[in-house]
Amino acid sequence: EALVPFANAGFSLLPLLSLSTNAAIGETDIELGFELTPGVSERQYFQSYIPPETDIIHNGRLINIPATVTLLEVLSDHTDSERLRRGANQYRLALQEWRLGRESLSLAHLWMAIEAITKAKVRSECAVRGITSQVELAQQLGVELKQLDGYIRKESLLKGDKECYDKAKEASDGFEHGFLGYDKIRELATGVRQRMAQYVRGAILELCGLHSDAFTVLTSNSFEKPMGYWPIVKYIRGKLIGKGDELAAPGNAYPLLKWSQIVKSFDIGSDGKINYEIDEKMTVETAEGIGFQQLSFEAWQAG
């Protein structure tokens, strides 16, 4: 009976951890659960097969615990907690797609995040102005009631950035309703995704009502850049040297480098940066008389 509620409670923290760190978190699952009732001879047990973690290096970012705890506390008591959590979850999903070629998907989730928190911003604006209805707010802003949500998104949540608003809305509508080609959607998304992420995250943190110290920490340079959850990618370029048209070693379909890595060291510096040293081992597997000349080796952080 405890397994699913406790797991769901853990899952519910993921969007807020992503929001706090501005970094994606890999998908999680329930692996192990067992009963601890004292003085009994039979206890329930559950285990799910989870493939072992690999030694593939991913980029990462440390959580600022005090600021994150503050975020959790203020959000738990917020009158619009459910809406802000929905916005944070859409932001988490946007970060899951934060890499080259996935701009359209990440922007779609950013737009859904904006939609999720719009009414929270409307109510916040009403509270600041000392009014109680959306009709009054629309009148004070000089817009029709049916235009209020769009006005709040563009002028308040996106800080009056008309280009960002127009392109993000066009890309989102074109993606959802299928009236734009994917090349056009990606072109629009690529141009504004970074700004949209900054506006969305900043708006949610502002609406949460964080005190200035925590807000300053979570919007500092350490957390400014969105970080996706993708492995460090590595490329090697070179030339196959030798005469002969048969290039592959016997039993292989093509010439290749048998490539493995060993993580030799790993530590977290005093500045919070993650440092590691990797030993790359490559064995050339080619036909007899065919060699390999390495020209370059590259390692990139995807994003």
C-alpha atoms as a PDB file:
ATOM      1  CA  GLU A   1       0.000   0.000   0.000  1.00  0.00           C
ATOM      2  CA  ALA A   2       2.906   2.394   0.665  1.00  0.00           C
ATOM      3  CA  LEU A   3       4.871   1.626  -2.479  1.00  0.00           C
ATOM      4  CA  VAL A   4       2.977   3.715  -5.046  1.00  0.00           C
ATOM      5  CA  PRO A   5       2.129   6.764  -2.855  1.00  0.00           C
ATOM      6  CA  PHE A   6       5.714   7.113  -1.665  1.00  0.00           C
ATOM      7  CA  ALA A   7       7.059   6.643  -5.202  1.00  0.00           C
ATOM      8  CA  ASN A   8       4.637   9.262  -6.537  1.00  0.00           C
ATOM      9  CA  ALA A   9       5.744  11.636  -3.788  1.00  0.00           C
ATOM     10  CA  GLY A  10       9.310  11.184  -4.989  1.00  0.00           C
ATOM     11  CA  PHE A  11       8.333  11.663  -8.623  1.00  0.00           C
ATOM     12  CA  SER A  12       6.530  14.899  -7.742  1.00  0.00           C
ATOM     13  CA  LEU A  13       9.846  16.412  -6.618  1.00  0.00           C
ATOM     14  CA  LEU A  14      11.524  15.964  -9.999  1.00  0.00           C
ATOM     15  CA  PRO A  15       9.973  19.015 -11.722  1.00  0.00           C
ATOM     16  CA  LEU A  16      10.989  21.247  -8.807  1.00  0.00           C
ATOM     17  CA  LEU A  17      14.545  19.887  -8.775  1.00  0.00           C
ATOM     18  CA  SER A  18      14.775  20.552 -12.520  1.00  0.00           C
ATOM     19  CA  LEU A  19      13.378  24.044 -11.991  1.00  0.00           C
ATOM     20  CA  SER A  20      15.814  24.747  -9.159  1.00  0.00           C
ATOM     21  CA  THR A  21      18.933  23.536 -10.970  1.00  0.00           C
ATOM     22  CA  ASN A  22      17.784  24.456 -14.508  1.00  0.00           C
ATOM     23  CA  ALA A  23      18.896  20.961 -15.500  1.00  0.00           C
ATOM     24  CA  ALA A  24      17.137  17.888 -16.835  1.00  0.00           C
ATOM     25  CA  ILE A  25      16.866  14.741 -14.731  1.00  0.00           C
ATOM     26  CA  GLY A  26      16.875  11.264 -16.262  1.00  0.00           C
ATOM     27  CA  GLU A  27      13.692   9.224 -16.045  1.00  0.00           C
ATOM     28  CA  THR A  28      13.239   7.425 -12.722  1.00  0.00           C
ATOM     29  CA  ASP A  29      11.481   4.215 -11.731  1.00  0.00           C
ATOM     30  CA  ILE A  30      10.600   2.168  -8.665  1.00  0.00           C
ATOM     31  CA  GLU A  31      13.253  -0.478  -8.078  1.00  0.00           C
ATOM     32  CA  LEU A  32      12.892  -1.837  -4.550  1.00  0.00           C
ATOM     33  CA  GLY A  33      10.352  -1.918  -1.761  1.00  0.00           C
ATOM     34  CA  PHE A  34       9.999  -4.139   1.318  1.00  0.00           C
ATOM     35  CA  GLU A  35       8.140  -4.271   4.579  1.00  0.00           C
ATOM     36  CA  LEU A  36       9.864  -3.366   7.838  1.00  0.00           C
ATOM     37  CA  THR A  37       7.147  -4.349  10.323  1.00  0.00           C
ATOM     38  CA  PRO A  38       8.933  -5.515  13.503  1.00  0.00           C
ATOM     39  CA  GLY A  39       8.163  -8.825  15.218  1.00  0.00           C
ATOM     40  CA  VAL A  40       6.600 -10.641  12.218  1.00  0.00           C
ATOM     41  CA  SER A  41       7.793 -13.718  10.354  1.00  0.00           C
ATOM     42  CA  GLU A  42       6.555 -12.733   6.868  1.00  0.00           C
ATOM     43  CA  ARG A  43       7.175  -9.408   5.128  1.00  0.00           C
ATOM     44  CA  GLN A  44       6.110  -8.185   1.691  1.00  0.00           C
ATOM     45  CA  TYR A  45       8.833  -7.606  -0.887  1.00  0.00           C
ATOM     46  CA  PHE A  46       8.888  -5.989  -4.341  1.00  0.00           C
ATOM     47  CA  GLN A  47      11.660  -5.545  -6.899  1.00  0.00           C
ATOM     48  CA  SER A  48      11.644  -4.344 -10.496  1.00  0.00           C
ATOM     49  CA  TYR A  49      14.461  -5.144 -12.889  1.00  0.00           C
ATOM     50  CA  ILE A  50      16.360  -1.923 -13.615  1.00  0.00           C
ATOM     51  CA  PRO A  51      19.284  -2.257 -16.046  1.00  0.00           C
ATOM     52  CA  PRO A  52      22.572  -1.415 -14.338  1.00  0.00           C
ATOM     53  CA  GLU A  53      23.954   2.061 -14.856  1.00  0.00           C
ATOM     54  CA  THR A  54      26.627   2.336 -17.522  1.00  0.00           C
ATOM     55  CA  ASP A  55      29.924   4.186 -17.335  1.00  0.00           C
ATOM     56  CA  ILE A  56      28.759   6.661 -19.985  1.00  0.00           C
ATOM     57  CA  ILE A  57      29.534  10.179 -18.751  1.00  0.00           C
ATOM     58  CA  HIS A  58      26.650  12.673 -18.610  1.00  0.00           C
ATOM     59  CA  ASN A  59      26.866  16.367 -17.893  1.00  0.00           C
ATOM     60  CA  GLY A  60      25.553  17.388 -14.489  1.00  0.00           C
ATOM     61  CA  ARG A  61      24.947  20.197 -12.048  1.00  0.00           C
ATOM     62  CA  LEU A  62      24.926  20.263  -8.248  1.00  0.00           C
ATOM     63  CA  ILE A  63      21.760  21.206  -6.380  1.00  0.00           C
ATOM     64  CA  ASN A  64      21.889  24.229  -4.099  1.00  0.00           C
ATOM     65  CA  ILE A  65      20.155  22.594  -1.145  1.00  0.00           C
ATOM     66  CA  PRO A  66      19.191  25.645   0.982  1.00  0.00           C
ATOM     67  CA  ALA A  67      17.657  27.528  -1.970  1.00  0.00           C
ATOM     68  CA  THR A  68      15.878  24.394  -3.192  1.00  0.00           C
ATOM     69  CA  VAL A  69      14.421  23.669   0.244  1.00  0.00           C
ATOM     70  CA  THR A  70      13.141  27.245   0.332  1.00  0.00           C
ATOM     71  CA  LEU A  71      11.535  26.742  -3.079  1.00  0.00           C
ATOM     72  CA  LEU A  72       9.784  23.581  -1.873  1.00  0.00           C
ATOM     73  CA  GLU A  73       8.547  25.321   1.260  1.00  0.00           C
ATOM     74  CA  VAL A  74       7.099  28.424  -0.400  1.00  0.00           C
ATOM     75  CA  LEU A  75       5.466  26.404  -3.161  1.00  0.00           C
ATOM     76  CA  SER A  76       3.788  24.001  -0.724  1.00  0.00           C
ATOM     77  CA  ASP A  77       1.869  26.921   0.836  1.00  0.00           C
ATOM     78  CA  HIS A  78       1.147  28.795  -2.398  1.00  0.00           C
ATOM     79  CA  THR A  79      -2.492  29.292  -3.377  1.00  0.00           C
ATOM     80  CA  ASP A  80      -1.627  28.437  -7.000  1.00  0.00           C
ATOM     81  CA  SER A  81       0.716  25.574  -6.107  1.00  0.00           C
ATOM     82  CA  GLU A  82      -0.974  23.118  -8.484  1.00  0.00           C
ATOM     83  CA  ARG A  83      -0.678  25.429 -11.501  1.00  0.00           C
ATOM     84  CA  LEU A  84       2.921  26.306 -10.745  1.00  0.00           C
ATOM     85  CA  ARG A  85       3.782  22.619 -10.363  1.00  0.00           C
ATOM     86  CA  ARG A  86       2.191  21.942 -13.747  1.00  0.00           C
ATOM     87  CA  GLY A  87       4.290  24.708 -15.240  1.00  0.00           C
ATOM     88  CA  ALA A  88       7.411  23.316 -13.577  1.00  0.00           C
ATOM     89  CA  ASN A  89       6.667  19.852 -14.963  1.00  0.00           C
ATOM     90  CA  GLN A  90       6.326  21.225 -18.484  1.00  0.00           C
ATOM     91  CA  TYR A  91       9.646  22.992 -17.955  1.00  0.00           C
ATOM     92  CA  ARG A  92      11.194  19.685 -16.846  1.00  0.00           C
ATOM     93  CA  LEU A  93       9.892  18.022 -20.023  1.00  0.00           C
ATOM     94  CA  ALA A  94      11.333  20.868 -22.107  1.00  0.00           C
ATOM     95  CA  LEU A  95      14.755  20.234 -20.563  1.00  0.00           C
ATOM     96  CA  GLN A  96      14.437  16.525 -21.354  1.00  0.00           C
ATOM     97  CA  GLU A  97      14.443  17.548 -25.032  1.00  0.00           C
ATOM     98  CA  TRP A  98      17.207  20.149 -24.653  1.00  0.00           C
ATOM     99  CA  ARG A  99      19.602  19.179 -27.407  1.00  0.00           C
ATOM    100  CA  LEU A 100      20.390  19.932 -31.018  1.00  0.00           C
ATOM    101  CA  GLY A 101      17.544  18.797 -33.280  1.00  0.00           C
ATOM    102  CA  ARG A 102      14.902  18.720 -30.518  1.00  0.00           C
ATOM    103  CA  GLU A 103      14.163  22.451 -30.437  1.00  0.00           C
ATOM    104  CA  SER A 104      10.544  22.034 -31.605  1.00  0.00           C
ATOM    105  CA  LEU A 105       9.665  19.603 -28.820  1.00  0.00           C
ATOM    106  CA  SER A 106      11.327  21.613 -26.079  1.00  0.00           C
ATOM    107  CA  LEU A 107       9.637  24.820 -27.255  1.00  0.00           C
ATOM    108  CA  ALA A 108       6.252  23.069 -27.331  1.00  0.00           C
ATOM    109  CA  HIS A 109       6.647  22.176 -23.654  1.00  0.00           C
ATOM    110  CA  LEU A 110       7.820  25.708 -22.831  1.00  0.00           C
ATOM    111  CA  TRP A 111       4.680  27.116 -24.432  1.00  0.00           C
ATOM    112  CA  MET A 112       2.525  24.679 -22.445  1.00  0.00           C
ATOM    113  CA  ALA A 113       4.342  25.842 -19.312  1.00  0.00           C
ATOM    114  CA  ILE A 114       3.400  29.449 -20.135  1.00  0.00           C
ATOM    115  CA  GLU A 115      -0.219  28.407 -20.638  1.00  0.00           C
ATOM    116  CA  ALA A 116      -0.207  26.516 -17.321  1.00  0.00           C
ATOM    117  CA  ILE A 117       0.941  29.505 -15.251  1.00  0.00           C
ATOM    118  CA  THR A 118      -1.019  32.258 -17.028  1.00  0.00           C
ATOM    119  CA  LYS A 119      -3.974  32.240 -14.625  1.00  0.00           C
ATOM    120  CA  ALA A 120      -1.588  32.262 -11.668  1.00  0.00           C
ATOM    121  CA  LYS A 121      -0.039  35.433 -13.077  1.00  0.00           C
ATOM    122  CA  VAL A 122      -3.496  36.921 -13.672  1.00  0.00           C
ATOM    123  CA  ARG A 123      -4.434  36.333 -10.033  1.00  0.00           C
ATOM    124  CA  SER A 124      -1.081  37.711  -8.899  1.00  0.00           C
ATOM    125  CA  GLU A 125      -1.651  40.906 -10.920  1.00  0.00           C
ATOM    126  CA  CYS A 126      -5.121  41.259  -9.392  1.00  0.00           C
ATOM    127  CA  ALA A 127      -3.689  40.898  -5.893  1.00  0.00           C
ATOM    128  CA  VAL A 128      -0.994  43.505  -6.540  1.00  0.00           C
ATOM    129  CA  ARG A 129      -3.592  45.976  -7.820  1.00  0.00           C
ATOM    130  CA  GLY A 130      -6.040  45.258  -5.000  1.00  0.00           C
ATOM    131  CA  ILE A 131      -8.809  44.013  -7.305  1.00  0.00           C
ATOM    132  CA  THR A 132     -10.691  40.728  -7.327  1.00  0.00           C
ATOM    133  CA  SER A 133     -11.859  40.047 -10.865  1.00  0.00           C
ATOM    134  CA  GLN A 134     -10.320  39.450 -14.277  1.00  0.00           C
ATOM    135  CA  VAL A 135     -12.870  41.878 -15.756  1.00  0.00           C
ATOM    136  CA  GLU A 136     -11.439  44.714 -13.648  1.00  0.00           C
ATOM    137  CA  LEU A 137      -7.894  43.726 -14.564  1.00  0.00           C
ATOM    138  CA  ALA A 138      -8.732  43.749 -18.283  1.00  0.00           C
ATOM    139  CA  GLN A 139     -10.302  47.186 -17.901  1.00  0.00           C
ATOM    140  CA  GLN A 140      -7.250  48.563 -16.096  1.00  0.00           C
ATOM    141  CA  LEU A 141      -4.935  47.143 -18.775  1.00  0.00           C
ATOM    142  CA  GLY A 142      -7.128  48.467 -21.586  1.00  0.00           C
ATOM    143  CA  VAL A 143      -7.784  45.116 -23.274  1.00  0.00           C
ATOM    144  CA  GLU A 144     -10.871  43.008 -23.917  1.00  0.00           C
ATOM    145  CA  LEU A 145     -11.447  40.154 -21.475  1.00  0.00           C
ATOM    146  CA  LYS A 146     -10.909  37.549 -24.205  1.00  0.00           C
ATOM    147  CA  GLN A 147      -7.499  39.099 -24.929  1.00  0.00           C
ATOM    148  CA  LEU A 148      -6.388  39.167 -21.282  1.00  0.00           C
ATOM    149  CA  ASP A 149      -4.540  35.842 -21.198  1.00  0.00           C
ATOM    150  CA  GLY A 150      -2.579  36.631 -24.352  1.00  0.00           C
ATOM    151  CA  TYR A 151      -1.717  40.094 -23.053  1.00  0.00           C
ATOM    152  CA  ILE A 152      -0.476  38.680 -19.729  1.00  0.00           C
ATOM    153  CA  ARG A 153       1.654  36.084 -21.522  1.00  0.00           C
ATOM    154  CA  LYS A 154       3.297  38.589 -23.837  1.00  0.00           C
ATOM    155  CA  GLU A 155       3.621  41.657 -21.624  1.00  0.00           C
ATOM    156  CA  SER A 156       4.124  40.094 -18.169  1.00  0.00           C
ATOM    157  CA  LEU A 157       5.417  36.539 -18.479  1.00  0.00           C
ATOM    158  CA  LEU A 158       7.563  37.230 -21.568  1.00  0.00           C
ATOM    159  CA  LYS A 159       8.496  40.761 -20.444  1.00  0.00           C
ATOM    160  CA  GLY A 160       7.051  42.424 -23.543  1.00  0.00           C
ATOM    161  CA  ASP A 161       9.272  40.434 -25.934  1.00  0.00           C
ATOM    162  CA  LYS A 162       6.946  40.525 -28.949  1.00  0.00           C
ATOM    163  CA  GLU A 163       9.313  38.630 -31.255  1.00  0.00           C
ATOM    164  CA  CYS A 164       9.667  35.810 -28.752  1.00  0.00           C
ATOM    165  CA  TYR A 165       5.912  35.671 -28.157  1.00  0.00           C
ATOM    166  CA  ASP A 166       4.962  35.708 -31.851  1.00  0.00           C
ATOM    167  CA  LYS A 167       7.496  33.084 -32.934  1.00  0.00           C
ATOM    168  CA  ALA A 168       6.849  30.775 -29.983  1.00  0.00           C
ATOM    169  CA  LYS A 169       3.087  30.959 -30.471  1.00  0.00           C
ATOM    170  CA  GLU A 170       3.354  30.361 -34.219  1.00  0.00           C
ATOM    171  CA  ALA A 171       5.674  27.395 -33.699  1.00  0.00           C
ATOM    172  CA  SER A 172       3.477  25.922 -30.974  1.00  0.00           C
ATOM    173  CA  ASP A 173       0.245  26.350 -32.959  1.00  0.00           C
ATOM    174  CA  GLY A 174       1.872  25.032 -36.131  1.00  0.00           C
ATOM    175  CA  PHE A 175       3.194  21.996 -34.268  1.00  0.00           C
ATOM    176  CA  GLU A 176      -0.070  21.264 -32.451  1.00  0.00           C
ATOM    177  CA  HIS A 177      -2.421  21.788 -35.401  1.00  0.00           C
ATOM    178  CA  GLY A 178      -0.116  20.598 -38.178  1.00  0.00           C
ATOM    179  CA  PHE A 179      -0.273  23.621 -40.487  1.00  0.00           C
ATOM    180  CA  LEU A 180       3.493  24.286 -40.549  1.00  0.00           C
ATOM    181  CA  GLY A 181       6.287  22.118 -41.928  1.00  0.00           C
ATOM    182  CA  TYR A 182       8.781  20.776 -39.408  1.00  0.00           C
ATOM    183  CA  ASP A 183      11.598  22.781 -40.971  1.00  0.00           C
ATOM    184  CA  LYS A 184       9.670  26.024 -40.387  1.00  0.00           C
ATOM    185  CA  ILE A 185       8.698  24.997 -36.831  1.00  0.00           C
ATOM    186  CA  ARG A 186      12.307  24.182 -36.003  1.00  0.00           C
ATOM    187  CA  GLU A 187      13.493  27.483 -37.500  1.00  0.00           C
ATOM    188  CA  LEU A 188      11.061  29.418 -35.309  1.00  0.00           C
ATOM    189  CA  ALA A 189      11.845  27.335 -32.227  1.00  0.00           C
ATOM    190  CA  THR A 190      15.608  27.619 -32.615  1.00  0.00           C
ATOM    191  CA  GLY A 191      15.403  31.396 -32.684  1.00  0.00           C
ATOM    192  CA  VAL A 192      13.556  31.809 -29.379  1.00  0.00           C
ATOM    193  CA  ARG A 193      13.969  28.635 -27.313  1.00  0.00           C
ATOM    194  CA  GLN A 194      16.727  30.018 -25.091  1.00  0.00           C
ATOM    195  CA  ARG A 195      14.794  33.206 -24.315  1.00  0.00           C
ATOM    196  CA  MET A 196      11.562  31.294 -23.716  1.00  0.00           C
ATOM    197  CA  ALA A 197      13.295  29.049 -21.179  1.00  0.00           C
ATOM    198  CA  GLN A 198      14.693  32.058 -19.329  1.00  0.00           C
ATOM    199  CA  TYR A 199      11.291  33.777 -19.209  1.00  0.00           C
ATOM    200  CA  VAL A 200       9.389  30.637 -18.154  1.00  0.00           C
ATOM    201  CA  ARG A 201      11.753  29.663 -15.367  1.00  0.00           C
ATOM    202  CA  GLY A 202      12.051  33.227 -14.115  1.00  0.00           C
ATOM    203  CA  ALA A 203       8.266  33.661 -14.099  1.00  0.00           C
ATOM    204  CA  ILE A 204       7.669  30.499 -12.089  1.00  0.00           C
ATOM    205  CA  LEU A 205      10.332  31.430  -9.540  1.00  0.00           C
ATOM    206  CA  GLU A 206       8.867  34.941  -9.232  1.00  0.00           C
ATOM    207  CA  LEU A 207       5.313  33.650  -8.832  1.00  0.00           C
ATOM    208  CA  CYS A 208       6.431  31.250  -6.106  1.00  0.00           C
ATOM    209  CA  GLY A 209       7.286  34.255  -3.964  1.00  0.00           C
ATOM    210  CA  LEU A 210      10.866  33.283  -3.149  1.00  0.00           C
ATOM    211  CA  HIS A 211      12.677  35.646  -0.833  1.00  0.00           C
ATOM    212  CA  SER A 212      15.456  37.647  -2.441  1.00  0.00           C
ATOM    213  CA  ASP A 213      18.381  35.489  -1.241  1.00  0.00           C
ATOM    214  CA  ALA A 214      17.028  32.231  -2.692  1.00  0.00           C
ATOM    215  CA  PHE A 215      15.872  33.959  -5.890  1.00  0.00           C
ATOM    216  CA  THR A 216      19.321  35.491  -6.379  1.00  0.00           C
ATOM    217  CA  VAL A 217      21.011  32.109  -5.938  1.00  0.00           C
ATOM    218  CA  LEU A 218      18.716  30.245  -8.346  1.00  0.00           C
ATOM    219  CA  THR A 219      19.020  32.941 -11.042  1.00  0.00           C
ATOM    220  CA  SER A 220      22.793  33.345 -10.723  1.00  0.00           C
ATOM    221  CA  ASN A 221      25.273  32.408 -13.443  1.00  0.00           C
ATOM    222  CA  SER A 222      25.642  28.925 -11.938  1.00  0.00           C
ATOM    223  CA  PHE A 223      22.055  28.063 -12.917  1.00  0.00           C
ATOM    224  CA  GLU A 224      21.462  30.442 -15.808  1.00  0.00           C
ATOM    225  CA  LYS A 225      22.033  28.070 -18.731  1.00  0.00           C
ATOM    226  CA  PRO A 226      19.534  25.230 -19.288  1.00  0.00           C
ATOM    227  CA  MET A 227      21.187  21.814 -19.176  1.00  0.00           C
ATOM    228  CA  GLY A 228      19.751  18.737 -20.870  1.00  0.00           C
ATOM    229  CA  TYR A 229      20.311  15.152 -19.771  1.00  0.00           C
ATOM    230  CA  TRP A 230      22.478  13.798 -22.536  1.00  0.00           C
ATOM    231  CA  PRO A 231      25.802  11.958 -22.558  1.00  0.00           C
ATOM    232  CA  ILE A 232      29.081  13.591 -23.462  1.00  0.00           C
ATOM    233  CA  VAL A 233      29.491  12.800 -27.151  1.00  0.00           C
ATOM    234  CA  LYS A 234      32.893  11.908 -28.600  1.00  0.00           C
ATOM    235  CA  TYR A 235      34.109  11.842 -32.171  1.00  0.00           C
ATOM    236  CA  ILE A 236      37.290  10.576 -33.779  1.00  0.00           C
ATOM    237  CA  ARG A 237      38.294  11.432 -37.336  1.00  0.00           C
ATOM    238  CA  GLY A 238      41.090   9.973 -39.380  1.00  0.00           C
ATOM    239  CA  LYS A 239      42.128   8.149 -42.541  1.00  0.00           C
ATOM    240  CA  LEU A 240      42.250   4.517 -43.577  1.00  0.00           C
ATOM    241  CA  ILE A 241      45.739   3.998 -44.994  1.00  0.00           C
ATOM    242  CA  GLY A 242      46.752   1.149 -47.294  1.00  0.00           C
ATOM    243  CA  LYS A 243      46.154  -0.432 -50.689  1.00  0.00           C
ATOM    244  CA  GLY A 244      43.297  -2.827 -51.301  1.00  0.00           C
ATOM    245  CA  ASP A 245      39.538  -2.602 -51.659  1.00  0.00           C
ATOM    246  CA  GLU A 246      38.746  -4.982 -48.795  1.00  0.00           C
ATOM    247  CA  LEU A 247      38.750  -2.767 -45.695  1.00  0.00           C
ATOM    248  CA  ALA A 248      37.083  -4.836 -42.950  1.00  0.00           C
ATOM    249  CA  ALA A 249      38.849  -7.376 -40.756  1.00  0.00           C
ATOM    250  CA  PRO A 250      37.788 -11.007 -41.293  1.00  0.00           C
ATOM    251  CA  GLY A 251      34.390 -11.569 -39.696  1.00  0.00           C
ATOM    252  CA  ASN A 252      33.522  -7.869 -39.641  1.00  0.00           C
ATOM    253  CA  ALA A 253      31.178  -6.087 -42.037  1.00  0.00           C
ATOM    254  CA  TYR A 254      33.172  -2.858 -42.024  1.00  0.00           C
ATOM    255  CA  PRO A 255      36.391  -1.317 -40.678  1.00  0.00           C
ATOM    256  CA  LEU A 256      36.080  -0.049 -37.127  1.00  0.00           C
ATOM    257  CA  LEU A 257      37.796   1.016 -33.961  1.00  0.00           C
ATOM    258  CA  LYS A 258      36.939  -1.134 -30.966  1.00  0.00           C
ATOM    259  CA  TRP A 259      36.402   1.684 -28.475  1.00  0.00           C
ATOM    260  CA  SER A 260      36.183   1.500 -24.687  1.00  0.00           C
ATOM    261  CA  GLN A 261      36.681   3.919 -21.815  1.00  0.00           C
ATOM    262  CA  ILE A 262      37.692   3.730 -18.182  1.00  0.00           C
ATOM    263  CA  VAL A 263      36.886   6.508 -15.722  1.00  0.00           C
ATOM    264  CA  LYS A 264      40.208   6.954 -13.920  1.00  0.00           C
ATOM    265  CA  SER A 265      39.178   9.685 -11.489  1.00  0.00           C
ATOM    266  CA  PHE A 266      36.135  11.726 -10.474  1.00  0.00           C
ATOM    267  CA  ASP A 267      35.765  14.567  -7.987  1.00  0.00           C
ATOM    268  CA  ILE A 268      33.758  17.697  -7.235  1.00  0.00           C
ATOM    269  CA  GLY A 269      35.892  20.811  -6.876  1.00  0.00           C
ATOM    270  CA  SER A 270      35.498  23.512  -4.244  1.00  0.00           C
ATOM    271  CA  ASP A 271      33.825  25.674  -6.907  1.00  0.00           C
ATOM    272  CA  GLY A 272      31.146  22.999  -7.404  1.00  0.00           C
ATOM    273  CA  LYS A 273      32.432  21.943 -10.821  1.00  0.00           C
ATOM    274  CA  ILE A 274      32.545  18.252 -11.657  1.00  0.00           C
ATOM    275  CA  ASN A 275      35.972  17.005 -12.787  1.00  0.00           C
ATOM    276  CA  TYR A 276      36.814  13.630 -14.227  1.00  0.00           C
ATOM    277  CA  GLU A 277      39.618  11.934 -16.126  1.00  0.00           C
ATOM    278  CA  ILE A 278      38.929   9.247 -18.724  1.00  0.00           C
ATOM    279  CA  ASP A 279      41.270   6.741 -20.310  1.00  0.00           C
ATOM    280  CA  GLU A 280      40.199   6.050 -23.917  1.00  0.00           C
ATOM    281  CA  LYS A 281      41.281   2.751 -25.415  1.00  0.00           C
ATOM    282  CA  MET A 282      40.955   2.095 -29.152  1.00  0.00           C
ATOM    283  CA  THR A 283      41.900  -1.040 -31.076  1.00  0.00           C
ATOM    284  CA  VAL A 284      41.983  -0.854 -34.870  1.00  0.00           C
ATOM    285  CA  GLU A 285      40.076  -3.686 -36.580  1.00  0.00           C
ATOM    286  CA  THR A 286      40.716  -3.527 -40.314  1.00  0.00           C
ATOM    287  CA  ALA A 287      41.806  -5.846 -43.114  1.00  0.00           C
ATOM    288  CA  GLU A 288      45.429  -6.875 -43.375  1.00  0.00           C
ATOM    289  CA  GLY A 289      47.465  -4.079 -44.927  1.00  0.00           C
ATOM    290  CA  ILE A 290      44.940  -1.395 -43.949  1.00  0.00           C
ATOM    291  CA  GLY A 291      45.937   0.935 -41.131  1.00  0.00           C
ATOM    292  CA  PHE A 292      44.349   3.879 -39.399  1.00  0.00           C
ATOM    293  CA  GLN A 293      45.791   7.380 -38.988  1.00  0.00           C
ATOM    294  CA  GLN A 294      44.085   9.522 -36.350  1.00  0.00           C
ATOM    295  CA  LEU A 295      43.585  13.182 -37.275  1.00  0.00           C
ATOM    296  CA  SER A 296      41.436  14.483 -34.430  1.00  0.00           C
ATOM    297  CA  PHE A 297      39.559  13.535 -31.290  1.00  0.00           C
ATOM    298  CA  GLU A 298      36.663  15.643 -29.972  1.00  0.00           C
ATOM    299  CA  ALA A 299      34.417  15.554 -26.943  1.00  0.00           C
ATOM    300  CA  TRP A 300      31.278  17.690 -26.808  1.00  0.00           C
ATOM    301  CA  GLN A 301      28.564  18.438 -24.303  1.00  0.00           C
ATOM    302  CA  ALA A 302      25.284  17.917 -26.154  1.00  0.00           C
ATOM    303  CA  GLY A 303      22.766  20.728 -25.925  1.00  0.00           C
END
